[in-house]
């Protein structure tokens, strides 16, 4: 489970939908709300590109998110 991802998102006062939208504005295809939910609850592994998109949108290093690849 990635409580780190959820903690960082909530510290920035973002909903999952807002984070998903922010990942699209970073020039990539974006990360869906359902993917963010699965990652936060530990139900999925993340692609490197997904981790990079989330980290960029949250302005943290990829390691700060605690996601499994």
C-alpha atoms as a PDB file:
ATOM      1  CA  UNK A   1       0.000   0.000   0.000  1.00  0.00           C
ATOM      2  CA  UNK A   2       1.298   3.441  -0.805  1.00  0.00           C
ATOM      3  CA  UNK A   3       0.290   5.638   2.054  1.00  0.00           C
ATOM      4  CA  UNK A   4       3.126   7.914   0.889  1.00  0.00           C
ATOM      5  CA  UNK A   5       1.337   8.720  -2.370  1.00  0.00           C
ATOM      6  CA  UNK A   6      -1.906   9.432  -0.540  1.00  0.00           C
ATOM      7  CA  UNK A   7      -0.141  11.468   2.155  1.00  0.00           C
ATOM      8  CA  UNK A   8       1.654  13.664  -0.393  1.00  0.00           C
ATOM      9  CA  UNK A   9      -1.550  14.125  -2.415  1.00  0.00           C
ATOM     10  CA  UNK A  10      -3.554  15.068   0.655  1.00  0.00           C
ATOM     11  CA  UNK A  11      -0.838  17.453   1.914  1.00  0.00           C
ATOM     12  CA  UNK A  12      -1.299  19.322  -1.355  1.00  0.00           C
ATOM     13  CA  UNK A  13      -5.064  19.311  -0.807  1.00  0.00           C
ATOM     14  CA  UNK A  14      -5.675  17.477  -4.084  1.00  0.00           C
ATOM     15  CA  UNK A  15      -8.423  15.017  -4.856  1.00  0.00           C
ATOM     16  CA  UNK A  16      -7.573  11.990  -6.953  1.00  0.00           C
ATOM     17  CA  UNK A  17      -9.343  13.635  -9.891  1.00  0.00           C
ATOM     18  CA  UNK A  18      -7.295  16.806  -9.511  1.00  0.00           C
ATOM     19  CA  UNK A  19      -4.067  14.803  -9.369  1.00  0.00           C
ATOM     20  CA  UNK A  20      -5.097  12.877 -12.482  1.00  0.00           C
ATOM     21  CA  UNK A  21      -5.704  16.147 -14.288  1.00  0.00           C
ATOM     22  CA  UNK A  22      -2.334  17.518 -13.115  1.00  0.00           C
ATOM     23  CA  UNK A  23      -0.523  14.501 -14.581  1.00  0.00           C
ATOM     24  CA  UNK A  24      -1.980  15.338 -17.998  1.00  0.00           C
ATOM     25  CA  UNK A  25      -0.647  18.886 -17.859  1.00  0.00           C
ATOM     26  CA  UNK A  26       2.912  17.576 -17.537  1.00  0.00           C
ATOM     27  CA  UNK A  27       3.007  16.607 -21.190  1.00  0.00           C
ATOM     28  CA  UNK A  28       2.214  12.921 -20.805  1.00  0.00           C
ATOM     29  CA  UNK A  29      -0.891  10.883 -21.374  1.00  0.00           C
ATOM     30  CA  UNK A  30      -1.825  11.255 -17.739  1.00  0.00           C
ATOM     31  CA  UNK A  31      -2.660   8.860 -14.948  1.00  0.00           C
ATOM     32  CA  UNK A  32      -6.291   7.869 -14.469  1.00  0.00           C
ATOM     33  CA  UNK A  33      -8.221   8.287 -11.236  1.00  0.00           C
ATOM     34  CA  UNK A  34      -8.704   4.525 -11.034  1.00  0.00           C
ATOM     35  CA  UNK A  35      -4.954   3.935 -11.357  1.00  0.00           C
ATOM     36  CA  UNK A  36      -4.247   6.449  -8.585  1.00  0.00           C
ATOM     37  CA  UNK A  37      -6.831   4.698  -6.394  1.00  0.00           C
ATOM     38  CA  UNK A  38      -5.289   1.260  -7.042  1.00  0.00           C
ATOM     39  CA  UNK A  39      -1.800   2.560  -6.297  1.00  0.00           C
ATOM     40  CA  UNK A  40      -2.915   4.206  -3.070  1.00  0.00           C
ATOM     41  CA  UNK A  41      -4.579   1.018  -1.862  1.00  0.00           C
ATOM     42  CA  UNK A  42      -1.730  -1.275  -2.904  1.00  0.00           C
ATOM     43  CA  UNK A  43      -3.690  -3.074  -5.589  1.00  0.00           C
ATOM     44  CA  UNK A  44      -1.303  -2.486  -8.467  1.00  0.00           C
ATOM     45  CA  UNK A  45       2.300  -2.093  -9.526  1.00  0.00           C
ATOM     46  CA  UNK A  46       3.293   1.155 -11.191  1.00  0.00           C
ATOM     47  CA  UNK A  47       5.104   1.682 -14.469  1.00  0.00           C
ATOM     48  CA  UNK A  48       8.172   3.906 -14.297  1.00  0.00           C
ATOM     49  CA  UNK A  49       6.386   6.439 -16.491  1.00  0.00           C
ATOM     50  CA  UNK A  50       3.420   6.494 -14.087  1.00  0.00           C
ATOM     51  CA  UNK A  51       5.683   7.094 -11.105  1.00  0.00           C
ATOM     52  CA  UNK A  52       7.488   9.888 -12.944  1.00  0.00           C
ATOM     53  CA  UNK A  53       4.186  11.542 -13.952  1.00  0.00           C
ATOM     54  CA  UNK A  54       2.817  11.433 -10.424  1.00  0.00           C
ATOM     55  CA  UNK A  55       6.067  12.711  -8.918  1.00  0.00           C
ATOM     56  CA  UNK A  56       6.233  15.601 -11.391  1.00  0.00           C
ATOM     57  CA  UNK A  57       2.616  16.580 -10.737  1.00  0.00           C
ATOM     58  CA  UNK A  58       3.198  16.465  -6.966  1.00  0.00           C
ATOM     59  CA  UNK A  59       6.613  18.141  -7.208  1.00  0.00           C
ATOM     60  CA  UNK A  60       8.433  15.407  -5.273  1.00  0.00           C
ATOM     61  CA  UNK A  61      11.069  12.834  -6.160  1.00  0.00           C
ATOM     62  CA  UNK A  62       9.762   9.494  -7.451  1.00  0.00           C
ATOM     63  CA  UNK A  63      11.217   7.753  -4.392  1.00  0.00           C
ATOM     64  CA  UNK A  64       9.036   9.893  -2.114  1.00  0.00           C
ATOM     65  CA  UNK A  65       5.918   8.149  -3.413  1.00  0.00           C
ATOM     66  CA  UNK A  66       6.823   4.668  -2.155  1.00  0.00           C
ATOM     67  CA  UNK A  67       5.387   2.906  -5.211  1.00  0.00           C
ATOM     68  CA  UNK A  68       6.211  -0.642  -6.334  1.00  0.00           C
ATOM     69  CA  UNK A  69       7.371  -1.297  -9.868  1.00  0.00           C
END
